[in-house]
Amino acid sequence: MALEASSEDFISSMPDNVITSILHRLPLQDAVRTAILSRNWRFKWTMLTQLLFDDNFVSYVLETQGQNGFCKTISRLLLHLNGAITKSVVILAVLDVEDIHHLILFLSRKGIKDLTLTDWTKPHMKLPTHLFSCLELKRLNISGCGFTPPPSFRGFPNLLSLALHGVHFKGSDLGEFLTRCPLLETLDLLYITYTGNVKLVEIAKLENLKILSLSLSLLETNISSCIVFELVGSLPKLQELGLDFLSCRLTEGGAQKKFPTAFPSLKAFKVTRIDTGNGSMLSCALEIIRHFPNLQIFEIAHVSEHISIPFPIPEVEVNMMELRRVVFALFKGSENEVCLIKYFLACSPSLKKIVVHRDWFIGSDEQLIFTKKLLKLHRASPVAEIDFE
């Protein structure tokens, strides 16, 4: 008993910042329940600076209080918190519009720095203007909401990371909005709904960008490999690039133009929603890859092939690429996909692994056929493996 008391005293006497750090590692509902441990722990949870109203929390409230328990539970939690709230993750689907406004207002007054808001059930709901007064924000991740900066908005001066997924961006110029976030290091605009266009010069002003994911259809110009090189060349710190090809205006023949500059800092490149039956798209993507000499990771995802036209893969260049890992997501086993794998195997002497995630509709017999085909391909790297997942 003496040993147990000593242990309890030791834990309870730890500094507040250590106790708070421990509580942050627990699910929110478990952190609150530490109040029943002892008198000393009754209000320890009120020092929390991170509020994760995530899937785990939603499931807990549904099981214990039902669909109508969210607003009451969250309100009671907020009333007891003492200090600043630096991080919050909120599944907005469980709240009505009025409660969402109250929550965002609360967070805006608490010095929020890291905020994730997700709601795929109300795609046209406009987030409250209180959000745009959170000038201490460093990370902002919005999914499935309406995002409308007010005319008086002058930017997030401290924002380092911005992701807008499935967001309806309205009422403002997107390019101008981005330039008002001058410290951005990570920008994700792969899946955003916006009726206007963004100028290359506006993205180029974000000179601190290290990670960029961009829908090419957002750009005001027709797309070619040269346009991509111009974009990447204006971002000297860029290390990871993701490009979405859906609905982009590709310039015929533009991908065949040579560009004299290589980009040594880029380490990872991902393309999404590319049509592997479109020779211009594939040619553009390969031309981009060939100008990234230190590229180590390449991923191709959400492939489509509206018209199956065999694509002539370029001649293999010895030691051309330094790829270590290649990932094919939703692999369909088309002739052009197999040719791409053949190309990467043949011209990547440092390659360690190609990971193939097959599309769900491919049967076991089809998988066996193209597996045998891939395993016979020549490999420039003696350690290269092909994993099927």
Protein backbone atom coordinates (compact mmCIF):
# COMPACT_ATOMS: atom_id res chain seq x y z
CA MET A 1 0.00 0.00 0.00
CA ALA A 2 2.84 2.35 0.83
CA LEU A 3 4.39 1.65 -2.56
CA GLU A 4 1.09 2.40 -4.35
CA ALA A 5 0.66 5.66 -2.43
CA SER A 6 4.21 6.64 -3.24
CA SER A 7 3.63 5.96 -6.94
CA GLU A 8 0.43 7.99 -6.91
CA ASP A 9 2.12 10.89 -5.16
CA PHE A 10 4.96 10.78 -7.68
CA ILE A 11 2.62 10.99 -10.67
CA SER A 12 0.41 13.64 -9.11
CA SER A 13 3.38 15.79 -8.17
CA MET A 14 4.78 15.93 -11.69
CA PRO A 15 4.90 19.38 -13.31
CA ASP A 16 1.69 20.52 -14.99
CA ASN A 17 3.27 20.54 -18.45
CA VAL A 18 4.29 16.88 -18.04
CA ILE A 19 0.81 15.86 -16.90
CA THR A 20 -0.76 17.78 -19.78
CA SER A 21 1.59 16.04 -22.21
CA ILE A 22 0.44 12.67 -20.84
CA LEU A 23 -3.23 13.64 -21.13
CA HIS A 24 -2.75 14.72 -24.76
CA ARG A 25 -1.71 11.16 -25.57
CA LEU A 26 -5.05 9.82 -24.42
CA PRO A 27 -8.35 9.91 -26.31
CA LEU A 28 -10.20 13.05 -25.20
CA GLN A 29 -12.91 11.14 -23.34
CA ASP A 30 -10.27 9.18 -21.38
CA ALA A 31 -8.35 12.36 -20.53
CA VAL A 32 -11.53 13.85 -19.03
CA ARG A 33 -12.26 10.67 -17.08
CA THR A 34 -8.95 11.00 -15.18
CA ALA A 35 -10.95 13.39 -12.97
CA ILE A 36 -12.23 10.35 -11.04
CA LEU A 37 -8.72 9.09 -10.13
CA SER A 38 -8.34 11.27 -7.05
CA ARG A 39 -8.99 14.71 -5.64
CA ASN A 40 -5.63 15.89 -7.03
CA TRP A 41 -6.63 14.80 -10.55
CA ARG A 42 -10.13 16.23 -10.52
CA PHE A 43 -9.27 19.30 -12.61
CA LYS A 44 -6.04 18.20 -14.30
CA TRP A 45 -7.85 17.67 -17.61
CA THR A 46 -8.95 21.32 -17.67
CA MET A 47 -5.33 22.19 -18.57
CA LEU A 48 -5.73 20.50 -21.96
CA THR A 49 -4.57 22.62 -24.89
CA GLN A 50 -5.55 20.09 -27.59
CA LEU A 51 -9.15 19.13 -28.35
CA LEU A 52 -9.58 16.18 -30.68
CA PHE A 53 -13.28 15.78 -31.45
CA ASP A 54 -12.32 13.04 -33.91
CA ASP A 55 -13.85 9.75 -35.05
CA ASN A 56 -12.84 8.09 -31.78
CA PHE A 57 -14.64 10.76 -29.75
CA VAL A 58 -17.70 10.70 -32.02
CA SER A 59 -18.03 6.92 -31.61
CA TYR A 60 -17.75 7.23 -27.82
CA VAL A 61 -20.48 9.89 -27.58
CA LEU A 62 -22.77 7.94 -29.93
CA GLU A 63 -22.43 4.83 -27.76
CA THR A 64 -22.88 6.59 -24.42
CA GLN A 65 -25.26 9.48 -25.12
CA GLY A 66 -26.74 9.00 -28.55
CA GLN A 67 -27.02 11.29 -31.57
CA ASN A 68 -28.23 14.27 -29.54
CA GLY A 69 -25.41 14.22 -27.00
CA PHE A 70 -22.69 15.97 -28.97
CA CYS A 71 -23.63 19.61 -28.48
CA LYS A 72 -24.22 19.19 -24.75
CA THR A 73 -20.98 17.25 -24.24
CA ILE A 74 -18.82 19.67 -26.18
CA SER A 75 -20.37 22.71 -24.49
CA ARG A 76 -19.68 21.28 -21.03
CA LEU A 77 -16.08 20.53 -21.97
CA LEU A 78 -15.45 24.01 -23.31
CA LEU A 79 -16.83 25.65 -20.16
CA HIS A 80 -14.23 23.97 -17.97
CA LEU A 81 -11.09 24.60 -20.03
CA ASN A 82 -8.72 27.14 -18.52
CA GLY A 83 -6.01 28.16 -20.96
CA ALA A 84 -5.22 28.50 -24.64
CA ILE A 85 -6.31 25.84 -27.14
CA THR A 86 -3.46 25.35 -29.59
CA LYS A 87 -4.78 22.35 -31.55
CA SER A 88 -8.25 21.08 -32.43
CA VAL A 89 -9.68 18.44 -34.73
CA VAL A 90 -13.44 18.64 -35.26
CA ILE A 91 -15.83 16.37 -37.15
CA LEU A 92 -18.44 19.03 -37.90
CA ALA A 93 -21.03 16.58 -39.24
CA VAL A 94 -22.26 15.88 -35.68
CA LEU A 95 -23.00 19.58 -35.02
CA ASP A 96 -25.63 21.92 -36.37
CA VAL A 97 -24.67 25.21 -38.00
CA GLU A 98 -25.28 27.32 -34.89
CA ASP A 99 -23.08 25.09 -32.72
CA ILE A 100 -20.35 25.15 -35.37
CA HIS A 101 -20.36 28.96 -35.24
CA HIS A 102 -20.13 28.95 -31.44
CA LEU A 103 -17.26 26.44 -31.50
CA ILE A 104 -15.24 28.38 -34.10
CA LEU A 105 -15.82 31.58 -32.14
CA PHE A 106 -14.57 29.87 -28.97
CA LEU A 107 -11.43 28.59 -30.70
CA SER A 108 -10.75 32.00 -32.28
CA ARG A 109 -10.57 33.49 -28.79
CA LYS A 110 -8.26 30.76 -27.49
CA GLY A 111 -5.22 31.35 -29.70
CA ILE A 112 -5.78 28.28 -31.91
CA LYS A 113 -2.67 27.36 -33.94
CA ASP A 114 -3.52 23.98 -35.51
CA LEU A 115 -7.08 23.43 -36.76
CA THR A 116 -8.70 20.59 -38.71
CA LEU A 117 -12.37 20.87 -39.70
CA THR A 118 -14.16 18.08 -41.56
CA ASP A 119 -17.75 17.90 -42.76
CA TRP A 120 -18.76 16.02 -45.90
CA THR A 121 -22.49 16.24 -45.02
CA LYS A 122 -22.92 19.98 -45.56
CA PRO A 123 -20.80 20.78 -48.65
CA HIS A 124 -22.33 24.21 -49.18
CA MET A 125 -22.18 25.30 -45.56
CA LYS A 126 -20.09 28.45 -45.32
CA LEU A 127 -17.62 28.39 -42.46
CA PRO A 128 -18.13 31.29 -40.03
CA THR A 129 -16.07 34.45 -40.48
CA HIS A 130 -14.63 33.95 -36.98
CA LEU A 131 -12.26 31.48 -38.64
CA PHE A 132 -10.54 34.31 -40.49
CA SER A 133 -9.73 36.10 -37.24
CA CYS A 134 -7.54 33.19 -36.10
CA LEU A 135 -4.35 34.99 -37.05
CA GLU A 136 -2.13 32.75 -34.92
CA LEU A 137 -2.95 29.73 -37.06
CA LYS A 138 0.05 27.73 -38.27
CA ARG A 139 -1.79 24.73 -39.72
CA LEU A 140 -5.25 24.73 -41.29
CA ASN A 141 -6.89 21.64 -42.79
CA ILE A 142 -10.43 22.01 -44.17
CA SER A 143 -12.42 19.17 -45.77
CA GLY A 144 -15.83 19.37 -47.40
CA CYS A 145 -16.99 22.87 -46.47
CA GLY A 146 -17.59 26.25 -48.04
CA PHE A 147 -14.57 28.52 -47.62
CA THR A 148 -15.36 32.19 -48.18
CA PRO A 149 -12.81 34.75 -46.94
CA PRO A 150 -14.50 38.08 -46.15
CA PRO A 151 -13.50 41.20 -48.15
CA SER A 152 -11.69 42.59 -45.11
CA PHE A 153 -9.48 39.52 -44.75
CA ARG A 154 -5.76 40.32 -44.98
CA GLY A 155 -4.34 36.82 -44.71
CA PHE A 156 -2.94 34.35 -42.20
CA PRO A 157 0.50 35.85 -41.46
CA ASN A 158 1.76 32.82 -39.49
CA LEU A 159 0.26 29.98 -41.54
CA LEU A 160 2.77 27.24 -42.45
CA SER A 161 0.45 24.53 -43.77
CA LEU A 162 -2.83 24.78 -45.69
CA ALA A 163 -4.93 21.89 -47.06
CA LEU A 164 -8.31 22.44 -48.73
CA HIS A 165 -9.95 19.11 -49.62
CA GLY A 166 -13.31 19.08 -51.38
CA VAL A 167 -13.69 22.73 -50.43
CA HIS A 168 -15.92 25.19 -52.30
CA PHE A 169 -13.78 28.32 -52.46
CA LYS A 170 -15.94 31.40 -53.12
CA GLY A 171 -16.13 35.14 -52.74
CA SER A 172 -12.43 35.83 -53.16
CA ASP A 173 -9.51 35.41 -55.53
CA LEU A 174 -7.73 32.16 -54.65
CA GLY A 175 -4.34 33.29 -55.94
CA GLU A 176 -4.53 36.55 -54.01
CA PHE A 177 -5.62 34.63 -50.90
CA LEU A 178 -2.51 32.43 -51.17
CA THR A 179 -0.17 35.41 -51.47
CA ARG A 180 -1.57 36.65 -48.15
CA CYS A 181 -0.14 33.54 -46.46
CA PRO A 182 3.54 34.33 -47.15
CA LEU A 183 5.11 31.75 -44.80
CA LEU A 184 3.42 28.68 -46.31
CA GLU A 185 5.63 25.59 -46.43
CA THR A 186 2.91 23.05 -47.28
CA LEU A 187 0.03 23.68 -49.69
CA ASP A 188 -2.54 21.07 -50.77
CA LEU A 189 -5.06 22.13 -53.44
CA LEU A 190 -5.54 18.78 -55.17
CA TYR A 191 -9.31 18.54 -54.74
CA ILE A 192 -10.82 22.01 -54.55
CA THR A 193 -13.85 23.53 -56.29
CA TYR A 194 -13.07 26.99 -57.65
CA THR A 195 -14.48 28.70 -60.72
CA GLY A 196 -11.49 30.97 -61.33
CA ASN A 197 -7.81 30.39 -62.06
CA VAL A 198 -4.53 30.83 -60.26
CA LYS A 199 -1.54 32.56 -61.85
CA LEU A 200 1.90 30.97 -61.76
CA VAL A 201 3.36 34.21 -60.43
CA GLU A 202 1.02 34.01 -57.43
CA ILE A 203 2.24 30.54 -56.46
CA ALA A 204 5.82 31.64 -57.16
CA LYS A 205 5.52 34.20 -54.36
CA LEU A 206 5.32 31.34 -51.87
CA GLU A 207 9.09 30.96 -51.85
CA ASN A 208 9.11 28.88 -48.64
CA LEU A 209 7.04 26.03 -50.11
CA LYS A 210 8.51 22.58 -49.46
CA ILE A 211 5.41 20.48 -50.26
CA LEU A 212 2.95 21.38 -53.04
CA SER A 213 -0.09 19.41 -54.21
CA LEU A 214 -1.94 21.14 -57.02
CA SER A 215 -4.76 20.50 -59.47
CA LEU A 216 -3.39 21.57 -62.86
CA SER A 217 -6.86 22.67 -63.92
CA LEU A 218 -6.56 25.58 -61.46
CA LEU A 219 -3.80 27.22 -63.48
CA GLU A 220 -4.80 29.96 -65.88
CA THR A 221 -2.57 28.65 -68.67
CA ASN A 222 -2.53 25.56 -70.86
CA ILE A 223 -0.34 22.85 -69.35
CA SER A 224 2.91 21.44 -70.67
CA SER A 225 6.03 20.09 -69.00
CA CYS A 226 7.63 23.51 -69.51
CA ILE A 227 4.90 25.15 -67.43
CA VAL A 228 5.54 22.66 -64.63
CA PHE A 229 9.29 23.33 -64.85
CA GLU A 230 8.62 27.06 -64.67
CA LEU A 231 6.51 26.51 -61.55
CA VAL A 232 9.03 24.24 -59.82
CA GLY A 233 11.92 26.50 -60.83
CA SER A 234 10.29 29.38 -58.96
CA LEU A 235 10.15 27.36 -55.71
CA PRO A 236 13.78 26.69 -54.70
CA LYS A 237 12.91 24.83 -51.47
CA LEU A 238 10.35 22.45 -53.01
CA GLN A 239 10.93 18.81 -52.00
CA GLU A 240 7.59 17.11 -52.72
CA LEU A 241 5.26 17.76 -55.66
CA GLY A 242 1.80 16.35 -56.39
CA LEU A 243 -0.08 17.12 -59.61
CA ASP A 244 -3.68 16.26 -60.47
CA PHE A 245 -4.27 15.95 -64.22
CA LEU A 246 -8.07 15.80 -64.21
CA SER A 247 -9.62 18.31 -66.64
CA CYS A 248 -6.29 20.08 -67.23
CA ARG A 249 -5.80 21.88 -70.54
CA LEU A 250 -2.78 20.07 -71.96
CA THR A 251 -0.91 21.72 -74.80
CA GLU A 252 -0.39 19.29 -77.66
CA GLY A 253 3.29 18.73 -78.24
CA GLY A 254 4.25 20.91 -75.29
CA ALA A 255 5.65 17.95 -73.43
CA GLN A 256 8.14 17.30 -76.21
CA LYS A 257 9.96 20.56 -75.64
CA LYS A 258 13.26 20.22 -73.82
CA PHE A 259 13.94 22.23 -70.72
CA PRO A 260 17.58 22.83 -69.81
CA THR A 261 17.21 23.09 -66.03
CA ALA A 262 17.28 20.19 -63.55
CA PHE A 263 15.73 20.44 -60.12
CA PRO A 264 17.99 18.72 -57.58
CA SER A 265 15.97 19.47 -54.44
CA LEU A 266 12.82 17.58 -55.45
CA LYS A 267 12.68 14.15 -53.80
CA ALA A 268 9.06 12.96 -54.23
CA PHE A 269 6.57 13.30 -57.11
CA LYS A 270 2.96 12.08 -57.24
CA VAL A 271 0.50 12.24 -60.13
CA THR A 272 -3.23 11.63 -59.66
CA ARG A 273 -6.19 11.16 -62.00
CA ILE A 274 -3.99 10.80 -65.06
CA ASP A 275 -5.34 9.12 -68.20
CA THR A 276 -2.79 6.43 -69.11
CA GLY A 277 -4.47 6.09 -72.48
CA ASN A 278 -3.63 9.72 -73.24
CA GLY A 279 -0.18 9.87 -74.86
CA SER A 280 0.19 13.59 -74.24
CA MET A 281 -0.44 13.18 -70.51
CA LEU A 282 1.98 10.29 -70.15
CA SER A 283 4.60 12.06 -72.23
CA CYS A 284 4.25 15.17 -70.07
CA ALA A 285 4.55 13.17 -66.83
CA LEU A 286 7.63 11.27 -68.02
CA GLU A 287 9.30 14.44 -69.28
CA ILE A 288 8.79 15.97 -65.84
CA ILE A 289 10.30 12.93 -64.11
CA ARG A 290 13.35 12.98 -66.37
CA HIS A 291 14.21 16.49 -65.15
CA PHE A 292 14.15 15.54 -61.48
CA PRO A 293 17.58 13.86 -61.17
CA ASN A 294 17.36 13.25 -57.40
CA LEU A 295 13.79 12.01 -57.39
CA GLN A 296 13.52 9.07 -54.97
CA ILE A 297 9.77 8.41 -54.73
CA PHE A 298 7.22 8.39 -57.55
CA GLU A 299 3.53 7.56 -57.07
CA ILE A 300 0.73 7.32 -59.59
CA ALA A 301 -2.84 7.12 -58.26
CA HIS A 302 -6.48 7.11 -59.42
CA VAL A 303 -5.52 6.19 -62.97
CA SER A 304 -8.11 6.26 -65.75
CA GLU A 305 -7.86 5.02 -69.31
CA HIS A 306 -10.77 6.21 -71.44
CA ILE A 307 -9.24 5.03 -74.73
CA SER A 308 -6.62 2.31 -74.65
CA ILE A 309 -3.91 3.47 -77.07
CA PRO A 310 -0.47 1.86 -76.70
CA PHE A 311 2.03 4.52 -75.72
CA PRO A 312 5.61 4.35 -77.03
CA ILE A 313 7.80 4.44 -73.90
CA PRO A 314 11.03 6.44 -74.42
CA GLU A 315 14.32 4.67 -74.93
CA VAL A 316 15.98 3.67 -71.67
CA GLU A 317 18.83 5.92 -70.59
CA VAL A 318 21.50 4.24 -68.47
CA ASN A 319 21.57 5.49 -64.86
CA MET A 320 18.99 8.10 -65.79
CA MET A 321 17.00 8.07 -62.55
CA GLU A 322 17.73 7.69 -58.85
CA LEU A 323 14.30 6.34 -57.95
CA ARG A 324 14.17 4.23 -54.78
CA ARG A 325 10.42 3.56 -54.59
CA VAL A 326 7.56 3.57 -57.10
CA VAL A 327 3.90 3.16 -56.12
CA PHE A 328 0.98 2.32 -58.41
CA ALA A 329 -2.35 2.86 -56.65
CA LEU A 330 -5.51 1.26 -58.12
CA PHE A 331 -3.46 -0.60 -60.75
CA LYS A 332 -5.69 -1.89 -63.55
CA GLY A 333 -3.14 -3.99 -65.42
CA SER A 334 -3.41 -2.09 -68.72
CA GLU A 335 -0.70 -2.38 -71.34
CA ASN A 336 0.48 1.18 -70.75
CA GLU A 337 0.72 0.65 -66.97
CA VAL A 338 2.83 -2.46 -67.53
CA CYS A 339 5.03 -0.48 -69.96
CA LEU A 340 5.55 2.20 -67.31
CA ILE A 341 6.66 -0.38 -64.77
CA LYS A 342 9.00 -1.87 -67.37
CA TYR A 343 10.47 1.59 -67.98
CA PHE A 344 11.06 2.33 -64.28
CA LEU A 345 12.64 -1.09 -63.70
CA ALA A 346 14.97 -0.68 -66.68
CA CYS A 347 16.29 2.82 -65.94
CA SER A 348 16.42 2.97 -62.13
CA PRO A 349 19.59 1.25 -60.90
CA SER A 350 18.95 2.35 -57.30
CA LEU A 351 15.35 1.12 -57.20
CA LYS A 352 14.42 -0.90 -54.12
CA LYS A 353 10.72 -1.52 -54.51
CA ILE A 354 7.72 -1.10 -56.79
CA VAL A 355 4.47 -1.37 -54.85
CA VAL A 356 1.35 -2.29 -56.84
CA HIS A 357 -2.07 -1.77 -55.24
CA ARG A 358 -4.45 -3.50 -57.64
CA ASP A 359 -7.87 -2.11 -58.44
CA TRP A 360 -10.66 -3.82 -56.51
CA PHE A 361 -12.39 -5.21 -59.64
CA ILE A 362 -9.32 -7.16 -60.85
CA GLY A 363 -9.88 -10.87 -60.26
CA SER A 364 -7.30 -13.33 -59.01
CA ASP A 365 -6.85 -14.87 -62.48
CA GLU A 366 -6.12 -11.47 -64.06
CA GLN A 367 -3.74 -10.62 -61.23
CA LEU A 368 -1.85 -13.86 -61.78
CA ILE A 369 -1.44 -13.09 -65.48
CA PHE A 370 0.05 -9.62 -65.09
CA THR A 371 2.07 -10.74 -62.04
CA LYS A 372 3.86 -13.32 -64.16
CA LYS A 373 4.37 -10.68 -66.85
CA LEU A 374 5.90 -8.17 -64.41
CA LEU A 375 8.19 -10.68 -62.74
CA LYS A 376 9.84 -11.42 -66.10
CA LEU A 377 10.83 -7.79 -66.75
CA HIS A 378 14.48 -6.75 -66.78
CA ARG A 379 15.67 -4.85 -63.71
CA ALA A 380 18.57 -2.40 -63.65
CA SER A 381 18.68 -2.69 -59.86
CA PRO A 382 19.82 -6.04 -58.44
CA VAL A 383 17.70 -5.50 -55.29
CA ALA A 384 14.49 -4.22 -56.88
CA GLU A 385 11.33 -5.98 -55.67
CA ILE A 386 7.74 -5.87 -56.88
CA ASP A 387 5.17 -6.08 -54.08
CA PHE A 388 1.49 -6.66 -54.76
CA GLU A 389 -0.78 -5.32 -52.03
